[in-house]
Every structure is written in C-alpha cells, then in structure tokens.
C-alpha cells in the first residue's frame, strides 16, 4: 500500500473509531436512563409501600419531675425561685443479644420489568437490665413516676410491622402497641412502639423481645447498650455490610449469608446522645430548645446490611460498554491486517457496517437483560451479532473460511469480555494480561511484514 493510501486509510479508520465512541456514549446514556427508571420505581415503593428499616435497641422511659431554677427572663418575679420541670428518665439495658433471620426476595415489589429487593426479618433479642439503682442516683434528685414506666422500641417505618412485637419479662408476655406512646420529638423518620410497665421496679431483670419486620433493601441496627451482639443469617448471598462497625465474622455460600457484629463503643455514644436530647435540652445548634431526638435516632451509629442485586444489569451493561471500543478497535485492526497481508481491499463502508452491528450488540444486551438473566441476554446478543457479522464477512472476504475465522476471533473477544465482567476484583489484572497477549499476537503475525513495500496497486476483488 502506498504511504499516502496507508495514512489515509488509517485516518479514516481513526475517524470511524471516534464515531463509534460517540455511538457507545449514546448507548451508555440509554443505560443511565433505564437505570433512572429503576431507581424511580424504588423511590415510589419507599414512598407508597415500604422503606428500608432502622431499628434501635429498646430502652425504658420513666416520667419525672424535679425542681429547677425558674426562667425569669420573661417574668423577673421568678428570680431566685424554683419551678417544677417534667421530663423522662431513660434506662438502658446493660447487654442485649440480637438474632435475625432474613427471608429476602426480589419478587414481591415489582413494577412491570422493574423490581426492588425486600426482606422479612424474624428478630429475637435477649437483654439484661442491671444496676438500675445506680442509674437513679444520677437522676439529679428527680421524682420518678414508676407506675408510668414504658418499654420503648424505636423503628424507622411502622408499615413494616405486621404483627405487634411480644415482650416477655419473668414469663409474662406483653404486646408493644403502635399508638399508646409517641415522644414529642419523634421526627427525623423515626416512630415508636411501646408498652406500659406498671410493675417496673429497681430490681435487675432479663427480658426477651420477639418480632417480625419487613423492609426494603437495607436493614440497620442502632445499639444503645454497654454490650451488643448481632447475629444475622439469610437466603441472600450478595449481602453488603456497612455502617460504623463492620461484622467481626461473615460468610457467604450456596445463596446464604451469615454475619456477626459485636460492639461496646457504639452503644455508649448513642446512649449519651439519647440522654442529652430526649427531653429537648441542649440538642439544637441555636438558642432554642428544639427537640432533635428523631434526627439523632436516624443518624446514630450502628450496624447495617444491604441486600444488593446478584447481577445489576445496568452496571454490568455499563461496564460492558467500556470494553466496546476495545472490541471495535481489535476488529478494525484485524480487518486492516487481513487486507494488508492478503492484498484484499475492504471499503470503509464495510468497516462502518461491522462497527454498527457491534454497537447494536449493547442495545440487545440491555433490552434482553431487563427481561431475562444477564447471562442469557449476553448469550443471545452475542450469537445474533456474531452470526450477522460472520454472514456478512463471507461476502466481504470472498471465502467462508475467512468469515468463520473472524467469527471465531470475535466470539473469543466476547468470551473474554464476559470473563472480565464477572471478575470485578481481578479485572485490571486479567485485562492487562489480555492486552499483553494481544500485542504479542499482532507483533508475531506482522514480524515479517515490510510496511514500506506494502501496496494495493492490484487489490483482489471481494466479490
């Protein structure tokens, strides 16, 4: 090939690659748009049906009154006098152990082709109240109304409570109620279940709490005790752990997961925040006594697990598109080497049509993966595009053998891309090896090519 023709052909191929990069960007935009529809469906489910859940370890509240210096700013006559102030004294368990079994599904909440992962958690906790007398000593001479004591359980979304939790103390069972108790500062997306404890005394006692809780995608537990353990198991292998404390043990196998958390520090900090803010004192960032309890509860430190999709078709397709330019580049380079070595002229329009077919692969992958599994969608899209390109190359290259060889090459590229997509943790490692092998293959094939003498004076017909 004359040097001018060579550089012109390379320039045209470069322009075509740039054009396909724009085309892949458009396909990528479609992926983000479809993912936006999915997220919109999840938000609608959160708003209209069920939300993620945030459960706070229970505690006991006891109303109190105490005499304090009167606020005389509006009434100077109250200066140097005492006024009665009321509030609630909080008592936290010394220890609580949680066991949770999650039944996870992505079938219950579905809108057309879009679905959200939900769970039904069966929860059981065992706790101990100890040294209650010592807590009372720190109550600033408060007069406590023990007959009005209540056992309180804060929960983010009460729509997930389909049966009232059962509290057991000394063999006596009590049901936590939805409406009997609402603390005035229950904002910030936190609601409360509670039950009266009219016989609550200063004696140490143990309790158990049994409940079921439905939620969407994420479950988090906020500890308030000196020592907290949380054991979770479920039928979902793809569990993501986050929060202020990660599991000390976790495993995933055979579509099951298990995890265990332990903490003695998070409960202390959360407990301090509750006691400081529960009665609307010293919680605001300004001079007003504004109750921030709900906000404290919703942002408190805790353990969290998210049930993610095993295969997110949008993130997988997005990653596949990032490899799209590589496949097109390798295909064009293979064509160029073939016509250079065999003296066969392949027109830029033929390059263009093959590149378009490869771009359509990603549209097929996205549309089919929304209906079927990602593997099935990938298989269907790859077979369709490879078959179409192979059939077309039979007429471009003039021989079925050459078309079959290129189809095998293209199929190998799609296999490599799928392997890279499934090996997220080793993508860079495997990709770098593939790049090295590819460069080595090109160098080996062209080791005897005299690029200066290459010419297309008498190109072969591709009819």
Foldseek 3Di string as FASTA:
>chain_A
DAPVVVVVVVVLLVVLLVVLVVLLVVLLVVLVVVVVVLVVLVVVCVVPAFAAKEKEAKKKKWKWKDWDQDDCPVPVVSHPHIDIDMDIDIFDFQEKEKEKEKEKDFPPRDDVLHTFIKIKIKMKMKTKGPPLVVSVVPVNPIGTDLQFMKIKIKMQDCSFFPDFKWKAWPNDIDTWDQPPDAQPQQDQRIGMTMDGDRPDDSDMTMMMITGMGMHTFKYWYQYQHQKYKYKYKYQAQDKDKDFPFGFPDKDGDDSMIITMHIDRPLNPVLNVVCNCQRGQHPPDPDDDSHHCNNVSSNPGTTIMMGRDDPDDLSVLLSLLSVCLSVLLVVLVVVVVVCCQVQLADFDSVLSSVLSVLSSVLSVQLSVVCSVDPSVVSLVVSLVVSLVVQLVVVCLRQVHNVVSVVSSVVSVVVSVLSVVLSVCVVCNVVSVVVVVVVVVVVVCVVCVPPDVNPGDNPPGDYSD
